Amino acid sequence: MYFVYVLQSEKDQKLYIGCTNSLKRRIKQHESGKVEATKTRRPMKLIYLEGCLNETDAYMREKYFKMGYGRRFIKNRLKKYYKL
């Protein structure tokens, strides 16, 4: 199983979108500063997660989330979260 995940920086509130087949391992990498894109934006908080049955679908979904329509989808999906 593959996971598409969205992290939010508690430092600058910006989103990071990624894809992995081992969510636990990947989150640990983000927390320990081993991911170049997020190491200066820590701590990161997991705010959204989707599971996919194959790698191709997961990477297509990640690519969609990184585009304008996909970011809008995430903000719509998490309306109550953003109102907090």
PDB file of N, CA and C in Angstrom:
ATOM      1  N   MET A   1       0.838  -1.172   0.000  1.00  0.00           N
ATOM      2  CA  MET A   1       0.000   0.000   0.000  1.00  0.00           C
ATOM      3  C   MET A   1       0.888   1.242   0.000  1.00  0.00           C
ATOM      4  N   TYR A   2       0.449   2.264  -0.708  1.00  0.00           N
ATOM      5  CA  TYR A   2       1.163   3.537  -0.793  1.00  0.00           C
ATOM      6  C   TYR A   2       0.299   4.625  -0.181  1.00  0.00           C
ATOM      7  N   PHE A   3       0.959   5.623   0.375  1.00  0.00           N
ATOM      8  CA  PHE A   3       0.250   6.703   1.049  1.00  0.00           C
ATOM      9  C   PHE A   3       0.643   8.048   0.462  1.00  0.00           C
ATOM     10  N   VAL A   4      -0.349   8.886   0.260  1.00  0.00           N
ATOM     11  CA  VAL A   4      -0.142  10.277  -0.100  1.00  0.00           C
ATOM     12  C   VAL A   4      -0.482  11.053   1.160  1.00  0.00           C
ATOM     13  N   TYR A   5       0.431  11.908   1.579  1.00  0.00           N
ATOM     14  CA  TYR A   5       0.230  12.594   2.850  1.00  0.00           C
ATOM     15  C   TYR A   5       0.477  14.090   2.701  1.00  0.00           C
ATOM     16  N   VAL A   6      -0.136  14.836   3.600  1.00  0.00           N
ATOM     17  CA  VAL A   6       0.045  16.283   3.626  1.00  0.00           C
ATOM     18  C   VAL A   6       0.500  16.652   5.033  1.00  0.00           C
ATOM     19  N   LEU A   7       1.627  17.329   5.097  1.00  0.00           N
ATOM     20  CA  LEU A   7       2.147  17.837   6.360  1.00  0.00           C
ATOM     21  C   LEU A   7       2.008  19.349   6.365  1.00  0.00           C
ATOM     22  N   GLN A   8       1.803  19.898   7.536  1.00  0.00           N
ATOM     23  CA  GLN A   8       1.768  21.351   7.664  1.00  0.00           C
ATOM     24  C   GLN A   8       2.856  21.769   8.646  1.00  0.00           C
ATOM     25  N   SER A   9       3.616  22.769   8.256  1.00  0.00           N
ATOM     26  CA  SER A   9       4.666  23.279   9.123  1.00  0.00           C
ATOM     27  C   SER A   9       4.032  24.085  10.250  1.00  0.00           C
ATOM     28  N   GLU A  10       4.403  23.781  11.465  1.00  0.00           N
ATOM     29  CA  GLU A  10       3.921  24.565  12.603  1.00  0.00           C
ATOM     30  C   GLU A  10       4.683  25.878  12.710  1.00  0.00           C
ATOM     31  N   LYS A  11       5.764  25.983  11.962  1.00  0.00           N
ATOM     32  CA  LYS A  11       6.600  27.190  11.966  1.00  0.00           C
ATOM     33  C   LYS A  11       6.036  28.265  11.028  1.00  0.00           C
ATOM     34  N   ASP A  12       5.726  27.863   9.764  1.00  0.00           N
ATOM     35  CA  ASP A  12       5.251  28.849   8.782  1.00  0.00           C
ATOM     36  C   ASP A  12       3.881  28.516   8.185  1.00  0.00           C
ATOM     37  N   GLN A  13       3.243  27.447   8.653  1.00  0.00           N
ATOM     38  CA  GLN A  13       1.902  27.014   8.232  1.00  0.00           C
ATOM     39  C   GLN A  13       1.814  26.523   6.787  1.00  0.00           C
ATOM     40  N   LYS A  14       2.930  26.433   6.076  1.00  0.00           N
ATOM     41  CA  LYS A  14       2.914  25.961   4.690  1.00  0.00           C
ATOM     42  C   LYS A  14       2.781  24.446   4.640  1.00  0.00           C
ATOM     43  N   LEU A  15       2.277  23.962   3.503  1.00  0.00           N
ATOM     44  CA  LEU A  15       2.038  22.533   3.331  1.00  0.00           C
ATOM     45  C   LEU A  15       3.188  21.851   2.605  1.00  0.00           C
ATOM     46  N   TYR A  16       3.397  20.581   2.937  1.00  0.00           N
ATOM     47  CA  TYR A  16       4.312  19.714   2.210  1.00  0.00           C
ATOM     48  C   TYR A  16       3.514  18.482   1.820  1.00  0.00           C
ATOM     49  N   ILE A  17       3.578  18.112   0.552  1.00  0.00           N
ATOM     50  CA  ILE A  17       2.831  16.965   0.044  1.00  0.00           C
ATOM     51  C   ILE A  17       3.830  15.916  -0.406  1.00  0.00           C
ATOM     52  N   GLY A  18       3.616  14.686   0.036  1.00  0.00           N
ATOM     53  CA  GLY A  18       4.542  13.620  -0.309  1.00  0.00           C
ATOM     54  C   GLY A  18       3.839  12.289  -0.501  1.00  0.00           C
ATOM     55  N   CYS A  19       4.632  11.292  -0.887  1.00  0.00           N
ATOM     56  CA  CYS A  19       4.117   9.960  -1.171  1.00  0.00           C
ATOM     57  C   CYS A  19       5.143   8.951  -0.690  1.00  0.00           C
ATOM     58  N   THR A  20       4.672   7.850  -0.096  1.00  0.00           N
ATOM     59  CA  THR A  20       5.584   6.836   0.431  1.00  0.00           C
ATOM     60  C   THR A  20       4.890   5.488   0.557  1.00  0.00           C
ATOM     61  N   ASN A  21       5.681   4.439   0.657  1.00  0.00           N
ATOM     62  CA  ASN A  21       5.114   3.123   0.924  1.00  0.00           C
ATOM     63  C   ASN A  21       5.332   2.731   2.388  1.00  0.00           C
ATOM     64  N   SER A  22       6.010   3.582   3.145  1.00  0.00           N
ATOM     65  CA  SER A  22       6.235   3.346   4.572  1.00  0.00           C
ATOM     66  C   SER A  22       6.025   4.665   5.319  1.00  0.00           C
ATOM     67  N   LEU A  23       4.815   4.916   5.720  1.00  0.00           N
ATOM     68  CA  LEU A  23       4.473   6.191   6.337  1.00  0.00           C
ATOM     69  C   LEU A  23       5.247   6.426   7.633  1.00  0.00           C
ATOM     70  N   LYS A  24       5.351   5.424   8.470  1.00  0.00           N
ATOM     71  CA  LYS A  24       6.064   5.565   9.740  1.00  0.00           C
ATOM     72  C   LYS A  24       7.509   6.012   9.524  1.00  0.00           C
ATOM     73  N   ARG A  25       8.183   5.336   8.605  1.00  0.00           N
ATOM     74  CA  ARG A  25       9.583   5.660   8.297  1.00  0.00           C
ATOM     75  C   ARG A  25       9.709   7.073   7.763  1.00  0.00           C
ATOM     76  N   ARG A  26       8.809   7.432   6.862  1.00  0.00           N
ATOM     77  CA  ARG A  26       8.889   8.750   6.223  1.00  0.00           C
ATOM     78  C   ARG A  26       8.623   9.879   7.226  1.00  0.00           C
ATOM     79  N   ILE A  27       7.663   9.689   8.104  1.00  0.00           N
ATOM     80  CA  ILE A  27       7.377  10.710   9.117  1.00  0.00           C
ATOM     81  C   ILE A  27       8.592  10.881  10.030  1.00  0.00           C
ATOM     82  N   LYS A  28       9.240   9.771  10.395  1.00  0.00           N
ATOM     83  CA  LYS A  28      10.455   9.854  11.220  1.00  0.00           C
ATOM     84  C   LYS A  28      11.552  10.637  10.506  1.00  0.00           C
ATOM     85  N   GLN A  29      11.668  10.438   9.183  1.00  0.00           N
ATOM     86  CA  GLN A  29      12.664  11.190   8.414  1.00  0.00           C
ATOM     87  C   GLN A  29      12.361  12.682   8.460  1.00  0.00           C
ATOM     88  N   HIS A  30      11.099  13.043   8.326  1.00  0.00           N
ATOM     89  CA  HIS A  30      10.721  14.457   8.409  1.00  0.00           C
ATOM     90  C   HIS A  30      11.037  15.009   9.796  1.00  0.00           C
ATOM     91  N   GLU A  31      10.688  14.264  10.839  1.00  0.00           N
ATOM     92  CA  GLU A  31      10.902  14.722  12.218  1.00  0.00           C
ATOM     93  C   GLU A  31      12.373  14.890  12.568  1.00  0.00           C
ATOM     94  N   SER A  32      13.226  14.047  11.993  1.00  0.00           N
ATOM     95  CA  SER A  32      14.651  14.105  12.320  1.00  0.00           C
ATOM     96  C   SER A  32      15.436  15.060  11.423  1.00  0.00           C
ATOM     97  N   GLY A  33      14.779  15.701  10.470  1.00  0.00           N
ATOM     98  CA  GLY A  33      15.453  16.675   9.608  1.00  0.00           C
ATOM     99  C   GLY A  33      16.192  16.068   8.438  1.00  0.00           C
ATOM    100  N   LYS A  34      15.886  14.840   8.089  1.00  0.00           N
ATOM    101  CA  LYS A  34      16.573  14.175   6.984  1.00  0.00           C
ATOM    102  C   LYS A  34      15.954  14.466   5.617  1.00  0.00           C
ATOM    103  N   VAL A  35      14.843  15.185   5.593  1.00  0.00           N
ATOM    104  CA  VAL A  35      14.201  15.551   4.326  1.00  0.00           C
ATOM    105  C   VAL A  35      14.537  17.018   4.048  1.00  0.00           C
ATOM    106  N   GLU A  36      15.275  17.238   2.985  1.00  0.00           N
ATOM    107  CA  GLU A  36      15.769  18.573   2.648  1.00  0.00           C
ATOM    108  C   GLU A  36      14.661  19.629   2.605  1.00  0.00           C
ATOM    109  N   ALA A  37      13.530  19.276   2.009  1.00  0.00           N
ATOM    110  CA  ALA A  37      12.449  20.253   1.814  1.00  0.00           C
ATOM    111  C   ALA A  37      11.781  20.698   3.107  1.00  0.00           C
ATOM    112  N   THR A  38      11.878  19.904   4.159  1.00  0.00           N
ATOM    113  CA  THR A  38      11.174  20.258   5.395  1.00  0.00           C
ATOM    114  C   THR A  38      12.080  20.479   6.600  1.00  0.00           C
ATOM    115  N   LYS A  39      13.367  20.265   6.463  1.00  0.00           N
ATOM    116  CA  LYS A  39      14.223  20.307   7.647  1.00  0.00           C
ATOM    117  C   LYS A  39      14.280  21.681   8.313  1.00  0.00           C
ATOM    118  N   THR A  40      14.116  22.755   7.561  1.00  0.00           N
ATOM    119  CA  THR A  40      14.133  24.090   8.179  1.00  0.00           C
ATOM    120  C   THR A  40      12.733  24.556   8.580  1.00  0.00           C
ATOM    121  N   ARG A  41      11.725  23.756   8.288  1.00  0.00           N
ATOM    122  CA  ARG A  41      10.339  24.147   8.571  1.00  0.00           C
ATOM    123  C   ARG A  41       9.727  23.319   9.697  1.00  0.00           C
ATOM    124  N   ARG A  42      10.531  22.550  10.402  1.00  0.00           N
ATOM    125  CA  ARG A  42      10.040  21.702  11.483  1.00  0.00           C
ATOM    126  C   ARG A  42       9.618  22.539  12.672  1.00  0.00           C
ATOM    127  N   PRO A  43       8.693  22.032  13.467  1.00  0.00           N
ATOM    128  CA  PRO A  43       8.040  20.735  13.411  1.00  0.00           C
ATOM    129  C   PRO A  43       6.923  20.703  12.365  1.00  0.00           C
ATOM    130  N   MET A  44       6.686  19.512  11.852  1.00  0.00           N
ATOM    131  CA  MET A  44       5.643  19.284  10.861  1.00  0.00           C
ATOM    132  C   MET A  44       4.536  18.449  11.497  1.00  0.00           C
ATOM    133  N   LYS A  45       3.299  18.711  11.064  1.00  0.00           N
ATOM    134  CA  LYS A  45       2.147  17.996  11.610  1.00  0.00           C
ATOM    135  C   LYS A  45       1.403  17.332  10.458  1.00  0.00           C
ATOM    136  N   LEU A  46       1.090  16.046  10.598  1.00  0.00           N
ATOM    137  CA  LEU A  46       0.323  15.319   9.594  1.00  0.00           C
ATOM    138  C   LEU A  46      -1.127  15.797   9.661  1.00  0.00           C
ATOM    139  N   ILE A  47      -1.640  16.342   8.532  1.00  0.00           N
ATOM    140  CA  ILE A  47      -3.015  16.846   8.544  1.00  0.00           C
ATOM    141  C   ILE A  47      -3.933  16.103   7.578  1.00  0.00           C
ATOM    142  N   TYR A  48      -3.359  15.314   6.653  1.00  0.00           N
ATOM    143  CA  TYR A  48      -4.201  14.586   5.703  1.00  0.00           C
ATOM    144  C   TYR A  48      -3.445  13.374   5.187  1.00  0.00           C
ATOM    145  N   LEU A  49      -4.192  12.291   4.948  1.00  0.00           N
ATOM    146  CA  LEU A  49      -3.590  11.046   4.493  1.00  0.00           C
ATOM    147  C   LEU A  49      -4.577  10.303   3.609  1.00  0.00           C
ATOM    148  N   GLU A  50      -4.078   9.760   2.498  1.00  0.00           N
ATOM    149  CA  GLU A  50      -4.874   8.899   1.615  1.00  0.00           C
ATOM    150  C   GLU A  50      -4.065   7.654   1.312  1.00  0.00           C
ATOM    151  N   GLY A  51      -4.728   6.534   1.245  1.00  0.00           N
ATOM    152  CA  GLY A  51      -4.077   5.286   0.870  1.00  0.00           C
ATOM    153  C   GLY A  51      -4.414   4.909  -0.559  1.00  0.00           C
ATOM    154  N   CYS A  52      -3.440   4.346  -1.255  1.00  0.00           N
ATOM    155  CA  CYS A  52      -3.632   3.882  -2.634  1.00  0.00           C
ATOM    156  C   CYS A  52      -3.090   2.455  -2.735  1.00  0.00           C
ATOM    157  N   LEU A  53      -3.712   1.670  -3.595  1.00  0.00           N
ATOM    158  CA  LEU A  53      -3.313   0.270  -3.724  1.00  0.00           C
ATOM    159  C   LEU A  53      -2.062   0.067  -4.566  1.00  0.00           C
ATOM    160  N   ASN A  54      -1.726   1.049  -5.407  1.00  0.00           N
ATOM    161  CA  ASN A  54      -0.498   0.885  -6.192  1.00  0.00           C
ATOM    162  C   ASN A  54       0.257   2.203  -6.297  1.00  0.00           C
ATOM    163  N   GLU A  55       1.525   2.092  -6.623  1.00  0.00           N
ATOM    164  CA  GLU A  55       2.442   3.219  -6.656  1.00  0.00           C
ATOM    165  C   GLU A  55       2.035   4.269  -7.694  1.00  0.00           C
ATOM    166  N   THR A  56       1.624   3.831  -8.860  1.00  0.00           N
ATOM    167  CA  THR A  56       1.259   4.760  -9.932  1.00  0.00           C
ATOM    168  C   THR A  56       0.112   5.663  -9.509  1.00  0.00           C
ATOM    169  N   ASP A  57      -0.931   5.080  -8.942  1.00  0.00           N
ATOM    170  CA  ASP A  57      -2.072   5.884  -8.488  1.00  0.00           C
ATOM    171  C   ASP A  57      -1.654   6.871  -7.405  1.00  0.00           C
ATOM    172  N   ALA A  58      -0.804   6.433  -6.499  1.00  0.00           N
ATOM    173  CA  ALA A  58      -0.361   7.302  -5.405  1.00  0.00           C
ATOM    174  C   ALA A  58       0.425   8.496  -5.943  1.00  0.00           C
ATOM    175  N   TYR A  59       1.346   8.254  -6.866  1.00  0.00           N
ATOM    176  CA  TYR A  59       2.147   9.354  -7.402  1.00  0.00           C
ATOM    177  C   TYR A  59       1.310  10.292  -8.278  1.00  0.00           C
ATOM    178  N   MET A  60       0.289   9.769  -8.945  1.00  0.00           N
ATOM    179  CA  MET A  60      -0.619  10.631  -9.709  1.00  0.00           C
ATOM    180  C   MET A  60      -1.421  11.521  -8.757  1.00  0.00           C
ATOM    181  N   ARG A  61      -1.853  10.956  -7.635  1.00  0.00           N
ATOM    182  CA  ARG A  61      -2.609  11.731  -6.644  1.00  0.00           C
ATOM    183  C   ARG A  61      -1.719  12.801  -6.014  1.00  0.00           C
ATOM    184  N   GLU A  62      -0.469  12.451  -5.718  1.00  0.00           N
ATOM    185  CA  GLU A  62       0.473  13.433  -5.169  1.00  0.00           C
ATOM    186  C   GLU A  62       0.653  14.595  -6.141  1.00  0.00           C
ATOM    187  N   LYS A  63       0.823  14.277  -7.411  1.00  0.00           N
ATOM    188  CA  LYS A  63       1.009  15.306  -8.432  1.00  0.00           C
ATOM    189  C   LYS A  63      -0.227  16.211  -8.495  1.00  0.00           C
ATOM    190  N   TYR A  64      -1.426  15.618  -8.412  1.00  0.00           N
ATOM    191  CA  TYR A  64      -2.668  16.391  -8.415  1.00  0.00           C
ATOM    192  C   TYR A  64      -2.715  17.347  -7.216  1.00  0.00           C
ATOM    193  N   PHE A  65      -2.353  16.854  -6.035  1.00  0.00           N
ATOM    194  CA  PHE A  65      -2.380  17.695  -4.834  1.00  0.00           C
ATOM    195  C   PHE A  65      -1.421  18.875  -4.934  1.00  0.00           C
ATOM    196  N   LYS A  66      -0.370  18.726  -5.706  1.00  0.00           N
ATOM    197  CA  LYS A  66       0.619  19.789  -5.828  1.00  0.00           C
ATOM    198  C   LYS A  66       0.198  20.870  -6.832  1.00  0.00           C
ATOM    199  N   MET A  67      -0.876  20.622  -7.568  1.00  0.00           N
ATOM    200  CA  MET A  67      -1.384  21.610  -8.521  1.00  0.00           C
ATOM    201  C   MET A  67      -2.465  22.448  -7.853  1.00  0.00           C
ATOM    202  N   GLY A  68      -2.877  23.512  -8.505  1.00  0.00           N
ATOM    203  CA  GLY A  68      -3.874  24.425  -7.947  1.00  0.00           C
ATOM    204  C   GLY A  68      -5.176  23.764  -7.549  1.00  0.00           C
ATOM    205  N   TYR A  69      -5.707  22.921  -8.434  1.00  0.00           N
ATOM    206  CA  TYR A  69      -6.973  22.248  -8.125  1.00  0.00           C
ATOM    207  C   TYR A  69      -6.826  21.313  -6.930  1.00  0.00           C
ATOM    208  N   GLY A  70      -5.707  20.649  -6.845  1.00  0.00           N
ATOM    209  CA  GLY A  70      -5.462  19.720  -5.748  1.00  0.00           C
ATOM    210  C   GLY A  70      -5.332  20.433  -4.410  1.00  0.00           C
ATOM    211  N   ARG A  71      -4.650  21.573  -4.404  1.00  0.00           N
ATOM    212  CA  ARG A  71      -4.530  22.354  -3.170  1.00  0.00           C
ATOM    213  C   ARG A  71      -5.900  22.868  -2.737  1.00  0.00           C
ATOM    214  N   ARG A  72      -6.709  23.233  -3.703  1.00  0.00           N
ATOM    215  CA  ARG A  72      -8.074  23.668  -3.402  1.00  0.00           C
ATOM    216  C   ARG A  72      -8.883  22.505  -2.810  1.00  0.00           C
ATOM    217  N   PHE A  73      -8.686  21.302  -3.360  1.00  0.00           N
ATOM    218  CA  PHE A  73      -9.356  20.119  -2.839  1.00  0.00           C
ATOM    219  C   PHE A  73      -8.994  19.903  -1.373  1.00  0.00           C
ATOM    220  N   ILE A  74      -7.706  19.993  -1.057  1.00  0.00           N
ATOM    221  CA  ILE A  74      -7.256  19.789   0.320  1.00  0.00           C
ATOM    222  C   ILE A  74      -7.888  20.833   1.246  1.00  0.00           C
ATOM    223  N   LYS A  75      -7.868  22.085   0.830  1.00  0.00           N
ATOM    224  CA  LYS A  75      -8.449  23.142   1.682  1.00  0.00           C
ATOM    225  C   LYS A  75      -9.951  22.952   1.852  1.00  0.00           C
ATOM    226  N   ASN A  76     -10.650  22.501   0.802  1.00  0.00           N
ATOM    227  CA  ASN A  76     -12.080  22.215   0.910  1.00  0.00           C
ATOM    228  C   ASN A  76     -12.323  21.024   1.821  1.00  0.00           C
ATOM    229  N   ARG A  77     -11.511  20.000   1.672  1.00  0.00           N
ATOM    230  CA  ARG A  77     -11.660  18.772   2.455  1.00  0.00           C
ATOM    231  C   ARG A  77     -11.437  19.025   3.939  1.00  0.00           C
ATOM    232  N   LEU A  78     -10.581  20.002   4.232  1.00  0.00           N
ATOM    233  CA  LEU A  78     -10.202  20.294   5.614  1.00  0.00           C
ATOM    234  C   LEU A  78     -10.759  21.644   6.092  1.00  0.00           C
ATOM    235  N   LYS A  79     -11.925  22.014   5.612  1.00  0.00           N
ATOM    236  CA  LYS A  79     -12.521  23.314   5.958  1.00  0.00           C
ATOM    237  C   LYS A  79     -12.571  23.554   7.459  1.00  0.00           C
ATOM    238  N   LYS A  80     -13.041  22.571   8.209  1.00  0.00           N
ATOM    239  CA  LYS A  80     -13.159  22.752   9.651  1.00  0.00           C
ATOM    240  C   LYS A  80     -11.790  22.871  10.315  1.00  0.00           C
ATOM    241  N   TYR A  81     -10.808  22.154   9.805  1.00  0.00           N
ATOM    242  CA  TYR A  81      -9.452  22.241  10.346  1.00  0.00           C
ATOM    243  C   TYR A  81      -8.926  23.664  10.185  1.00  0.00           C
ATOM    244  N   TYR A  82      -9.131  24.251   9.025  1.00  0.00           N
ATOM    245  CA  TYR A  82      -8.618  25.590   8.766  1.00  0.00           C
ATOM    246  C   TYR A  82      -9.371  26.676   9.538  1.00  0.00           C
ATOM    247  N   LYS A  83     -10.569  26.368  10.011  1.00  0.00           N
ATOM    248  CA  LYS A  83     -11.327  27.337  10.797  1.00  0.00           C
ATOM    249  C   LYS A  83     -10.916  27.362  12.253  1.00  0.00           C
ATOM    250  N   LEU A  84     -10.134  26.363  12.691  1.00  0.00           N
ATOM    251  CA  LEU A  84      -9.711  26.288  14.088  1.00  0.00           C
ATOM    252  C   LEU A  84      -8.806  27.443  14.465  1.00  0.00           C
TER     253      LEU A  84
END
